[in-house]
Amino acid sequence: MDCKEFEKLIPGFIDRKLDYPSLRRFSEHMEQCANCKEELVIQFLVTEGIQRLEDGGAFDLQKELDQRLEEARRKLKIHDRFMKLGVFMEIIAVALLAGIIIWILM
């Protein structure tokens, strides 16, 4: 992912609308590119700050951004675990089918 693509995905991240592959690429790029991470912080503070000011509520935007980033990390971690579990179950299923076929043929 390049920086331009990252910037296009920032609104989706802020609105929590990125799908898994986009979130994965977004997160990986952000960890490697300080400029894009800074751009995310700026856009988040502006977008959410304006909304909070309109709503009249109190806010700690940096803490909220940190929570949102942690939430994204948790989602990615859970998704990765499910993918690994799925691969493991597929291997078990193939092994069972192979065993049944061998048993039938003997």
PDB file of N, CA and C in Angstrom:
ATOM      1  N   MET A   1       0.848  -1.168   0.000  1.00  0.00           N
ATOM      2  CA  MET A   1       0.000   0.000   0.000  1.00  0.00           C
ATOM      3  C   MET A   1       0.892   1.229   0.000  1.00  0.00           C
ATOM      4  N   ASP A   2       0.505   2.200  -0.793  1.00  0.00           N
ATOM      5  CA  ASP A   2       1.246   3.455  -0.795  1.00  0.00           C
ATOM      6  C   ASP A   2       0.498   4.494   0.053  1.00  0.00           C
ATOM      7  N   CYS A   3       1.133   5.631   0.230  1.00  0.00           N
ATOM      8  CA  CYS A   3       0.580   6.669   1.111  1.00  0.00           C
ATOM      9  C   CYS A   3      -0.747   7.236   0.591  1.00  0.00           C
ATOM     10  N   LYS A   4      -0.889   7.357  -0.720  1.00  0.00           N
ATOM     11  CA  LYS A   4      -2.135   7.894  -1.270  1.00  0.00           C
ATOM     12  C   LYS A   4      -3.304   6.954  -0.991  1.00  0.00           C
ATOM     13  N   GLU A   5      -3.077   5.671  -1.163  1.00  0.00           N
ATOM     14  CA  GLU A   5      -4.140   4.701  -0.877  1.00  0.00           C
ATOM     15  C   GLU A   5      -4.485   4.720   0.613  1.00  0.00           C
ATOM     16  N   PHE A   6      -3.450   4.842   1.452  1.00  0.00           N
ATOM     17  CA  PHE A   6      -3.663   4.922   2.896  1.00  0.00           C
ATOM     18  C   PHE A   6      -4.572   6.102   3.238  1.00  0.00           C
ATOM     19  N   GLU A   7      -4.257   7.261   2.666  1.00  0.00           N
ATOM     20  CA  GLU A   7      -5.042   8.467   2.952  1.00  0.00           C
ATOM     21  C   GLU A   7      -6.495   8.313   2.518  1.00  0.00           C
ATOM     22  N   LYS A   8      -6.721   7.600   1.415  1.00  0.00           N
ATOM     23  CA  LYS A   8      -8.095   7.369   0.962  1.00  0.00           C
ATOM     24  C   LYS A   8      -8.867   6.480   1.924  1.00  0.00           C
ATOM     25  N   LEU A   9      -8.162   5.612   2.658  1.00  0.00           N
ATOM     26  CA  LEU A   9      -8.823   4.689   3.581  1.00  0.00           C
ATOM     27  C   LEU A   9      -9.053   5.279   4.973  1.00  0.00           C
ATOM     28  N   ILE A  10      -8.451   6.420   5.270  1.00  0.00           N
ATOM     29  CA  ILE A  10      -8.595   7.016   6.605  1.00  0.00           C
ATOM     30  C   ILE A  10     -10.061   7.250   6.974  1.00  0.00           C
ATOM     31  N   PRO A  11     -10.896   7.839   6.113  1.00  0.00           N
ATOM     32  CA  PRO A  11     -12.304   8.022   6.503  1.00  0.00           C
ATOM     33  C   PRO A  11     -13.016   6.701   6.824  1.00  0.00           C
ATOM     34  N   GLY A  12     -12.699   5.651   6.072  1.00  0.00           N
ATOM     35  CA  GLY A  12     -13.287   4.342   6.352  1.00  0.00           C
ATOM     36  C   GLY A  12     -12.842   3.810   7.699  1.00  0.00           C
ATOM     37  N   PHE A  13     -11.577   4.042   8.043  1.00  0.00           N
ATOM     38  CA  PHE A  13     -11.085   3.619   9.351  1.00  0.00           C
ATOM     39  C   PHE A  13     -11.786   4.389  10.462  1.00  0.00           C
ATOM     40  N   ILE A  14     -11.888   5.687  10.289  1.00  0.00           N
ATOM     41  CA  ILE A  14     -12.526   6.528  11.312  1.00  0.00           C
ATOM     42  C   ILE A  14     -13.983   6.087  11.524  1.00  0.00           C
ATOM     43  N   ASP A  15     -14.657   5.747  10.433  1.00  0.00           N
ATOM     44  CA  ASP A  15     -16.059   5.316  10.527  1.00  0.00           C
ATOM     45  C   ASP A  15     -16.215   3.828  10.828  1.00  0.00           C
ATOM     46  N   ARG A  16     -15.085   3.131  11.026  1.00  0.00           N
ATOM     47  CA  ARG A  16     -15.087   1.687  11.310  1.00  0.00           C
ATOM     48  C   ARG A  16     -15.747   0.887  10.181  1.00  0.00           C
ATOM     49  N   LYS A  17     -15.434   1.234   8.949  1.00  0.00           N
ATOM     50  CA  LYS A  17     -16.063   0.583   7.799  1.00  0.00           C
ATOM     51  C   LYS A  17     -15.075  -0.160   6.905  1.00  0.00           C
ATOM     52  N   LEU A  18     -13.845  -0.359   7.358  1.00  0.00           N
ATOM     53  CA  LEU A  18     -12.874  -1.069   6.527  1.00  0.00           C
ATOM     54  C   LEU A  18     -13.092  -2.574   6.642  1.00  0.00           C
ATOM     55  N   ASP A  19     -13.027  -3.260   5.507  1.00  0.00           N
ATOM     56  CA  ASP A  19     -13.101  -4.715   5.541  1.00  0.00           C
ATOM     57  C   ASP A  19     -11.750  -5.264   6.012  1.00  0.00           C
ATOM     58  N   TYR A  20     -11.700  -6.578   6.264  1.00  0.00           N
ATOM     59  CA  TYR A  20     -10.491  -7.167   6.829  1.00  0.00           C
ATOM     60  C   TYR A  20      -9.242  -6.924   5.975  1.00  0.00           C
ATOM     61  N   PRO A  21      -9.265  -7.224   4.670  1.00  0.00           N
ATOM     62  CA  PRO A  21      -8.033  -7.014   3.888  1.00  0.00           C
ATOM     63  C   PRO A  21      -7.573  -5.548   3.891  1.00  0.00           C
ATOM     64  N   SER A  22      -8.510  -4.632   3.788  1.00  0.00           N
ATOM     65  CA  SER A  22      -8.147  -3.208   3.804  1.00  0.00           C
ATOM     66  C   SER A  22      -7.604  -2.811   5.169  1.00  0.00           C
ATOM     67  N   LEU A  23      -8.234  -3.299   6.232  1.00  0.00           N
ATOM     68  CA  LEU A  23      -7.775  -2.984   7.587  1.00  0.00           C
ATOM     69  C   LEU A  23      -6.380  -3.542   7.820  1.00  0.00           C
ATOM     70  N   ARG A  24      -6.121  -4.739   7.318  1.00  0.00           N
ATOM     71  CA  ARG A  24      -4.798  -5.356   7.461  1.00  0.00           C
ATOM     72  C   ARG A  24      -3.731  -4.489   6.763  1.00  0.00           C
ATOM     73  N   ARG A  25      -3.970  -4.139   5.508  1.00  0.00           N
ATOM     74  CA  ARG A  25      -3.006  -3.325   4.756  1.00  0.00           C
ATOM     75  C   ARG A  25      -2.839  -1.944   5.397  1.00  0.00           C
ATOM     76  N   PHE A  26      -3.965  -1.356   5.830  1.00  0.00           N
ATOM     77  CA  PHE A  26      -3.962  -0.047   6.477  1.00  0.00           C
ATOM     78  C   PHE A  26      -3.082  -0.084   7.726  1.00  0.00           C
ATOM     79  N   SER A  27      -3.293  -1.081   8.557  1.00  0.00           N
ATOM     80  CA  SER A  27      -2.556  -1.204   9.810  1.00  0.00           C
ATOM     81  C   SER A  27      -1.071  -1.432   9.565  1.00  0.00           C
ATOM     82  N   GLU A  28      -0.753  -2.310   8.617  1.00  0.00           N
ATOM     83  CA  GLU A  28       0.654  -2.584   8.317  1.00  0.00           C
ATOM     84  C   GLU A  28       1.355  -1.332   7.794  1.00  0.00           C
ATOM     85  N   HIS A  29       0.686  -0.593   6.906  1.00  0.00           N
ATOM     86  CA  HIS A  29       1.306   0.622   6.366  1.00  0.00           C
ATOM     87  C   HIS A  29       1.499   1.663   7.465  1.00  0.00           C
ATOM     88  N   MET A  30       0.499   1.802   8.320  1.00  0.00           N
ATOM     89  CA  MET A  30       0.578   2.800   9.381  1.00  0.00           C
ATOM     90  C   MET A  30       1.753   2.506  10.315  1.00  0.00           C
ATOM     91  N   GLU A  31       2.012   1.237  10.591  1.00  0.00           N
ATOM     92  CA  GLU A  31       3.115   0.879  11.484  1.00  0.00           C
ATOM     93  C   GLU A  31       4.472   1.187  10.860  1.00  0.00           C
ATOM     94  N   GLN A  32       4.533   1.252   9.536  1.00  0.00           N
ATOM     95  CA  GLN A  32       5.805   1.471   8.853  1.00  0.00           C
ATOM     96  C   GLN A  32       6.013   2.910   8.398  1.00  0.00           C
ATOM     97  N   CYS A  33       4.962   3.715   8.384  1.00  0.00           N
ATOM     98  CA  CYS A  33       5.066   5.061   7.809  1.00  0.00           C
ATOM     99  C   CYS A  33       4.634   6.112   8.837  1.00  0.00           C
ATOM    100  N   ALA A  34       5.597   6.809   9.370  1.00  0.00           N
ATOM    101  CA  ALA A  34       5.315   7.817  10.396  1.00  0.00           C
ATOM    102  C   ALA A  34       4.472   8.962   9.835  1.00  0.00           C
ATOM    103  N   ASN A  35       4.694   9.320   8.575  1.00  0.00           N
ATOM    104  CA  ASN A  35       3.923  10.414   7.982  1.00  0.00           C
ATOM    105  C   ASN A  35       2.440  10.055   7.880  1.00  0.00           C
ATOM    106  N   CYS A  36       2.147   8.827   7.501  1.00  0.00           N
ATOM    107  CA  CYS A  36       0.748   8.417   7.385  1.00  0.00           C
ATOM    108  C   CYS A  36       0.088   8.296   8.756  1.00  0.00           C
ATOM    109  N   LYS A  37       0.845   7.833   9.733  1.00  0.00           N
ATOM    110  CA  LYS A  37       0.292   7.760  11.090  1.00  0.00           C
ATOM    111  C   LYS A  37      -0.052   9.164  11.580  1.00  0.00           C
ATOM    112  N   GLU A  38       0.824  10.104  11.292  1.00  0.00           N
ATOM    113  CA  GLU A  38       0.566  11.500  11.668  1.00  0.00           C
ATOM    114  C   GLU A  38      -0.669  12.033  10.939  1.00  0.00           C
ATOM    115  N   GLU A  39      -0.817  11.687   9.655  1.00  0.00           N
ATOM    116  CA  GLU A  39      -1.985  12.121   8.881  1.00  0.00           C
ATOM    117  C   GLU A  39      -3.265  11.526   9.476  1.00  0.00           C
ATOM    118  N   LEU A  40      -3.201  10.273   9.900  1.00  0.00           N
ATOM    119  CA  LEU A  40      -4.360   9.649  10.552  1.00  0.00           C
ATOM    120  C   LEU A  40      -4.731  10.408  11.817  1.00  0.00           C
ATOM    121  N   VAL A  41      -3.751  10.730  12.630  1.00  0.00           N
ATOM    122  CA  VAL A  41      -4.005  11.466  13.874  1.00  0.00           C
ATOM    123  C   VAL A  41      -4.667  12.807  13.566  1.00  0.00           C
ATOM    124  N   ILE A  42      -4.132  13.519  12.596  1.00  0.00           N
ATOM    125  CA  ILE A  42      -4.674  14.837  12.245  1.00  0.00           C
ATOM    126  C   ILE A  42      -6.119  14.715  11.777  1.00  0.00           C
ATOM    127  N   GLN A  43      -6.361  13.800  10.824  1.00  0.00           N
ATOM    128  CA  GLN A  43      -7.723  13.657  10.298  1.00  0.00           C
ATOM    129  C   GLN A  43      -8.694  13.182  11.374  1.00  0.00           C
ATOM    130  N   PHE A  44      -8.240  12.289  12.244  1.00  0.00           N
ATOM    131  CA  PHE A  44      -9.103  11.819  13.320  1.00  0.00           C
ATOM    132  C   PHE A  44      -9.456  12.960  14.270  1.00  0.00           C
ATOM    133  N   LEU A  45      -8.450  13.728  14.663  1.00  0.00           N
ATOM    134  CA  LEU A  45      -8.688  14.835  15.586  1.00  0.00           C
ATOM    135  C   LEU A  45      -9.628  15.869  14.979  1.00  0.00           C
ATOM    136  N   VAL A  46      -9.448  16.170  13.704  1.00  0.00           N
ATOM    137  CA  VAL A  46     -10.312  17.148  13.050  1.00  0.00           C
ATOM    138  C   VAL A  46     -11.734  16.607  12.922  1.00  0.00           C
ATOM    139  N   THR A  47     -11.860  15.408  12.376  1.00  0.00           N
ATOM    140  CA  THR A  47     -13.190  14.825  12.135  1.00  0.00           C
ATOM    141  C   THR A  47     -13.963  14.625  13.432  1.00  0.00           C
ATOM    142  N   GLU A  48     -13.353  13.942  14.363  1.00  0.00           N
ATOM    143  CA  GLU A  48     -14.046  13.648  15.625  1.00  0.00           C
ATOM    144  C   GLU A  48     -14.163  14.897  16.496  1.00  0.00           C
ATOM    145  N   GLY A  49     -13.158  15.770  16.464  1.00  0.00           N
ATOM    146  CA  GLY A  49     -13.211  16.993  17.258  1.00  0.00           C
ATOM    147  C   GLY A  49     -14.353  17.896  16.841  1.00  0.00           C
ATOM    148  N   ILE A  50     -14.554  18.062  15.545  1.00  0.00           N
ATOM    149  CA  ILE A  50     -15.661  18.890  15.057  1.00  0.00           C
ATOM    150  C   ILE A  50     -16.999  18.284  15.486  1.00  0.00           C
ATOM    151  N   GLN A  51     -17.097  16.953  15.361  1.00  0.00           N
ATOM    152  CA  GLN A  51     -18.346  16.285  15.753  1.00  0.00           C
ATOM    153  C   GLN A  51     -18.617  16.471  17.245  1.00  0.00           C
ATOM    154  N   ARG A  52     -17.586  16.337  18.073  1.00  0.00           N
ATOM    155  CA  ARG A  52     -17.761  16.491  19.520  1.00  0.00           C
ATOM    156  C   ARG A  52     -18.145  17.920  19.877  1.00  0.00           C
ATOM    157  N   LEU A  53     -17.536  18.883  19.188  1.00  0.00           N
ATOM    158  CA  LEU A  53     -17.873  20.278  19.455  1.00  0.00           C
ATOM    159  C   LEU A  53     -19.329  20.565  19.101  1.00  0.00           C
ATOM    160  N   GLU A  54     -19.794  19.987  17.988  1.00  0.00           N
ATOM    161  CA  GLU A  54     -21.193  20.169  17.597  1.00  0.00           C
ATOM    162  C   GLU A  54     -22.134  19.519  18.600  1.00  0.00           C
ATOM    163  N   ASP A  55     -21.724  18.361  19.131  1.00  0.00           N
ATOM    164  CA  ASP A  55     -22.559  17.643  20.101  1.00  0.00           C
ATOM    165  C   ASP A  55     -22.478  18.255  21.495  1.00  0.00           C
ATOM    166  N   GLY A  56     -21.416  19.004  21.746  1.00  0.00           N
ATOM    167  CA  GLY A  56     -21.252  19.655  23.034  1.00  0.00           C
ATOM    168  C   GLY A  56     -20.741  18.748  24.131  1.00  0.00           C
ATOM    169  N   GLY A  57     -20.225  17.589  23.763  1.00  0.00           N
ATOM    170  CA  GLY A  57     -19.739  16.652  24.772  1.00  0.00           C
ATOM    171  C   GLY A  57     -18.265  16.828  25.058  1.00  0.00           C
ATOM    172  N   ALA A  58     -17.845  16.284  26.203  1.00  0.00           N
ATOM    173  CA  ALA A  58     -16.432  16.293  26.568  1.00  0.00           C
ATOM    174  C   ALA A  58     -15.741  15.151  25.831  1.00  0.00           C
ATOM    175  N   PHE A  59     -14.434  15.324  25.620  1.00  0.00           N
ATOM    176  CA  PHE A  59     -13.745  14.291  24.865  1.00  0.00           C
ATOM    177  C   PHE A  59     -12.250  14.303  25.111  1.00  0.00           C
ATOM    178  N   ASP A  60     -11.658  13.131  24.936  1.00  0.00           N
ATOM    179  CA  ASP A  60     -10.209  12.951  24.941  1.00  0.00           C
ATOM    180  C   ASP A  60      -9.891  12.207  23.651  1.00  0.00           C
ATOM    181  N   LEU A  61      -9.663  12.965  22.593  1.00  0.00           N
ATOM    182  CA  LEU A  61      -9.549  12.378  21.258  1.00  0.00           C
ATOM    183  C   LEU A  61      -8.327  11.491  21.095  1.00  0.00           C
ATOM    184  N   GLN A  62      -7.222  11.846  21.711  1.00  0.00           N
ATOM    185  CA  GLN A  62      -6.030  11.001  21.573  1.00  0.00           C
ATOM    186  C   GLN A  62      -6.287   9.631  22.195  1.00  0.00           C
ATOM    187  N   LYS A  63      -6.933   9.626  23.361  1.00  0.00           N
ATOM    188  CA  LYS A  63      -7.261   8.357  24.013  1.00  0.00           C
ATOM    189  C   LYS A  63      -8.240   7.562  23.147  1.00  0.00           C
ATOM    190  N   GLU A  64      -9.201   8.246  22.553  1.00  0.00           N
ATOM    191  CA  GLU A  64     -10.181   7.571  21.705  1.00  0.00           C
ATOM    192  C   GLU A  64      -9.513   6.986  20.455  1.00  0.00           C
ATOM    193  N   LEU A  65      -8.584   7.711  19.866  1.00  0.00           N
ATOM    194  CA  LEU A  65      -7.861   7.184  18.707  1.00  0.00           C
ATOM    195  C   LEU A  65      -7.041   5.960  19.111  1.00  0.00           C
ATOM    196  N   ASP A  66      -6.367   6.039  20.245  1.00  0.00           N
ATOM    197  CA  ASP A  66      -5.589   4.897  20.727  1.00  0.00           C
ATOM    198  C   ASP A  66      -6.494   3.679  20.939  1.00  0.00           C
ATOM    199  N   GLN A  67      -7.686   3.902  21.483  1.00  0.00           N
ATOM    200  CA  GLN A  67      -8.640   2.804  21.678  1.00  0.00           C
ATOM    201  C   GLN A  67      -9.092   2.226  20.345  1.00  0.00           C
ATOM    202  N   ARG A  68      -9.319   3.090  19.374  1.00  0.00           N
ATOM    203  CA  ARG A  68      -9.762   2.621  18.060  1.00  0.00           C
ATOM    204  C   ARG A  68      -8.659   1.820  17.367  1.00  0.00           C
ATOM    205  N   LEU A  69      -7.422   2.252  17.518  1.00  0.00           N
ATOM    206  CA  LEU A  69      -6.298   1.502  16.953  1.00  0.00           C
ATOM    207  C   LEU A  69      -6.148   0.145  17.641  1.00  0.00           C
ATOM    208  N   GLU A  70      -6.330   0.122  18.948  1.00  0.00           N
ATOM    209  CA  GLU A  70      -6.263  -1.146  19.686  1.00  0.00           C
ATOM    210  C   GLU A  70      -7.408  -2.073  19.272  1.00  0.00           C
ATOM    211  N   GLU A  71      -8.574  -1.511  19.066  1.00  0.00           N
ATOM    212  CA  GLU A  71      -9.727  -2.290  18.592  1.00  0.00           C
ATOM    213  C   GLU A  71      -9.415  -2.917  17.230  1.00  0.00           C
ATOM    214  N   ALA A  72      -8.779  -2.167  16.361  1.00  0.00           N
ATOM    215  CA  ALA A  72      -8.409  -2.686  15.041  1.00  0.00           C
ATOM    216  C   ALA A  72      -7.402  -3.824  15.184  1.00  0.00           C
ATOM    217  N   ARG A  73      -6.433  -3.665  16.080  1.00  0.00           N
ATOM    218  CA  ARG A  73      -5.450  -4.735  16.313  1.00  0.00           C
ATOM    219  C   ARG A  73      -6.123  -5.995  16.820  1.00  0.00           C
ATOM    220  N   ARG A  74      -7.081  -5.837  17.736  1.00  0.00           N
ATOM    221  CA  ARG A  74      -7.813  -7.006  18.268  1.00  0.00           C
ATOM    222  C   ARG A  74      -8.604  -7.699  17.172  1.00  0.00           C
ATOM    223  N   LYS A  75      -9.264  -6.919  16.312  1.00  0.00           N
ATOM    224  CA  LYS A  75     -10.029  -7.504  15.209  1.00  0.00           C
ATOM    225  C   LYS A  75      -9.124  -8.308  14.292  1.00  0.00           C
ATOM    226  N   LEU A  76      -7.970  -7.748  13.976  1.00  0.00           N
ATOM    227  CA  LEU A  76      -7.032  -8.445  13.101  1.00  0.00           C
ATOM    228  C   LEU A  76      -6.525  -9.725  13.756  1.00  0.00           C
ATOM    229  N   LYS A  77      -6.243  -9.658  15.046  1.00  0.00           N
ATOM    230  CA  LYS A  77      -5.753 -10.828  15.768  1.00  0.00           C
ATOM    231  C   LYS A  77      -6.809 -11.933  15.806  1.00  0.00           C
ATOM    232  N   ILE A  78      -8.044 -11.570  16.087  1.00  0.00           N
ATOM    233  CA  ILE A  78      -9.137 -12.547  16.125  1.00  0.00           C
ATOM    234  C   ILE A  78      -9.345 -13.156  14.743  1.00  0.00           C
ATOM    235  N   HIS A  79      -9.326 -12.320  13.721  1.00  0.00           N
ATOM    236  CA  HIS A  79      -9.507 -12.826  12.359  1.00  0.00           C
ATOM    237  C   HIS A  79      -8.396 -13.811  12.003  1.00  0.00           C
ATOM    238  N   ASP A  80      -7.175 -13.485  12.366  1.00  0.00           N
ATOM    239  CA  ASP A  80      -6.052 -14.377  12.084  1.00  0.00           C
ATOM    240  C   ASP A  80      -6.229 -15.720  12.791  1.00  0.00           C
ATOM    241  N   ARG A  81      -6.708 -15.691  14.021  1.00  0.00           N
ATOM    242  CA  ARG A  81      -6.936 -16.945  14.761  1.00  0.00           C
ATOM    243  C   ARG A  81      -8.010 -17.786  14.090  1.00  0.00           C
ATOM    244  N   PHE A  82      -9.091 -17.146  13.639  1.00  0.00           N
ATOM    245  CA  PHE A  82     -10.141 -17.886  12.948  1.00  0.00           C
ATOM    246  C   PHE A  82      -9.622 -18.491  11.640  1.00  0.00           C
ATOM    247  N   MET A  83      -8.783 -17.746  10.944  1.00  0.00           N
ATOM    248  CA  MET A  83      -8.220 -18.268   9.705  1.00  0.00           C
ATOM    249  C   MET A  83      -7.346 -19.490   9.976  1.00  0.00           C
ATOM    250  N   LYS A  84      -6.532 -19.424  11.008  1.00  0.00           N
ATOM    251  CA  LYS A  84      -5.686 -20.566  11.368  1.00  0.00           C
ATOM    252  C   LYS A  84      -6.538 -21.752  11.797  1.00  0.00           C
ATOM    253  N   LEU A  85      -7.585 -21.504  12.552  1.00  0.00           N
ATOM    254  CA  LEU A  85      -8.492 -22.575  12.965  1.00  0.00           C
ATOM    255  C   LEU A  85      -9.156 -23.196  11.744  1.00  0.00           C
ATOM    256  N   GLY A  86      -9.564 -22.367  10.788  1.00  0.00           N
ATOM    257  CA  GLY A  86     -10.185 -22.864   9.561  1.00  0.00           C
ATOM    258  C   GLY A  86      -9.249 -23.762   8.775  1.00  0.00           C
ATOM    259  N   VAL A  87      -7.987 -23.361   8.651  1.00  0.00           N
ATOM    260  CA  VAL A  87      -6.996 -24.178   7.944  1.00  0.00           C
ATOM    261  C   VAL A  87      -6.801 -25.501   8.674  1.00  0.00           C
ATOM    262  N   PHE A  88      -6.700 -25.452   9.981  1.00  0.00           N
ATOM    263  CA  PHE A  88      -6.541 -26.667  10.780  1.00  0.00           C
ATOM    264  C   PHE A  88      -7.728 -27.604  10.571  1.00  0.00           C
ATOM    265  N   MET A  89      -8.936 -27.067  10.584  1.00  0.00           N
ATOM    266  CA  MET A  89     -10.123 -27.901  10.403  1.00  0.00           C
ATOM    267  C   MET A  89     -10.176 -28.490   8.993  1.00  0.00           C
ATOM    268  N   GLU A  90      -9.737 -27.736   7.999  1.00  0.00           N
ATOM    269  CA  GLU A  90      -9.685 -28.261   6.636  1.00  0.00           C
ATOM    270  C   GLU A  90      -8.702 -29.420   6.538  1.00  0.00           C
ATOM    271  N   ILE A  91      -7.573 -29.305   7.188  1.00  0.00           N
ATOM    272  CA  ILE A  91      -6.589 -30.388   7.186  1.00  0.00           C
ATOM    273  C   ILE A  91      -7.172 -31.632   7.842  1.00  0.00           C
ATOM    274  N   ILE A  92      -7.853 -31.459   8.963  1.00  0.00           N
ATOM    275  CA  ILE A  92      -8.490 -32.586   9.654  1.00  0.00           C
ATOM    276  C   ILE A  92      -9.530 -33.234   8.741  1.00  0.00           C
ATOM    277  N   ALA A  93     -10.345 -32.416   8.077  1.00  0.00           N
ATOM    278  CA  ALA A  93     -11.390 -32.944   7.195  1.00  0.00           C
ATOM    279  C   ALA A  93     -10.781 -33.734   6.038  1.00  0.00           C
ATOM    280  N   VAL A  94      -9.728 -33.214   5.437  1.00  0.00           N
ATOM    281  CA  VAL A  94      -9.070 -33.923   4.338  1.00  0.00           C
ATOM    282  C   VAL A  94      -8.479 -35.238   4.839  1.00  0.00           C
ATOM    283  N   ALA A  95      -7.854 -35.213   6.004  1.00  0.00           N
ATOM    284  CA  ALA A  95      -7.281 -36.432   6.567  1.00  0.00           C
ATOM    285  C   ALA A  95      -8.371 -37.462   6.852  1.00  0.00           C
ATOM    286  N   LEU A  96      -9.504 -37.024   7.387  1.00  0.00           N
ATOM    287  CA  LEU A  96     -10.619 -37.938   7.649  1.00  0.00           C
ATOM    288  C   LEU A  96     -11.154 -38.534   6.357  1.00  0.00           C
ATOM    289  N   LEU A  97     -11.351 -37.704   5.350  1.00  0.00           N
ATOM    290  CA  LEU A  97     -11.839 -38.200   4.061  1.00  0.00           C
ATOM    291  C   LEU A  97     -10.854 -39.182   3.440  1.00  0.00           C
ATOM    292  N   ALA A  98      -9.578 -38.885   3.509  1.00  0.00           N
ATOM    293  CA  ALA A  98      -8.563 -39.795   2.975  1.00  0.00           C
ATOM    294  C   ALA A  98      -8.598 -41.113   3.723  1.00  0.00           C
ATOM    295  N   GLY A  99      -8.749 -41.040   5.035  1.00  0.00           N
ATOM    296  CA  GLY A  99      -8.838 -42.260   5.845  1.00  0.00           C
ATOM    297  C   GLY A  99     -10.060 -43.083   5.482  1.00  0.00           C
ATOM    298  N   ILE A 100     -11.192 -42.437   5.287  1.00  0.00           N
ATOM    299  CA  ILE A 100     -12.420 -43.152   4.931  1.00  0.00           C
ATOM    300  C   ILE A 100     -12.273 -43.787   3.546  1.00  0.00           C
ATOM    301  N   ILE A 101     -11.714 -43.078   2.613  1.00  0.00           N
ATOM    302  CA  ILE A 101     -11.542 -43.617   1.256  1.00  0.00           C
ATOM    303  C   ILE A 101     -10.584 -44.821   1.298  1.00  0.00           C
ATOM    304  N   ILE A 102      -9.505 -44.711   2.007  1.00  0.00           N
ATOM    305  CA  ILE A 102      -8.561 -45.835   2.132  1.00  0.00           C
ATOM    306  C   ILE A 102      -9.243 -47.010   2.792  1.00  0.00           C
ATOM    307  N   TRP A 103     -10.026 -46.772   3.824  1.00  0.00           N
ATOM    308  CA  TRP A 103     -10.726 -47.839   4.535  1.00  0.00           C
ATOM    309  C   TRP A 103     -11.729 -48.537   3.608  1.00  0.00           C
ATOM    310  N   ILE A 104     -12.452 -47.766   2.802  1.00  0.00           N
ATOM    311  CA  ILE A 104     -13.450 -48.329   1.871  1.00  0.00           C
ATOM    312  C   ILE A 104     -12.759 -49.150   0.787  1.00  0.00           C
ATOM    313  N   LEU A 105     -11.644 -48.691   0.275  1.00  0.00           N
ATOM    314  CA  LEU A 105     -10.946 -49.368  -0.804  1.00  0.00           C
ATOM    315  C   LEU A 105     -10.226 -50.645  -0.355  1.00  0.00           C
ATOM    316  N   MET A 106     -10.002 -50.794   0.907  1.00  0.00           N
ATOM    317  CA  MET A 106      -9.285 -51.985   1.397  1.00  0.00           C
ATOM    318  C   MET A 106     -10.223 -53.090   1.687  1.00  0.00           C
TER     319      MET A 106
END
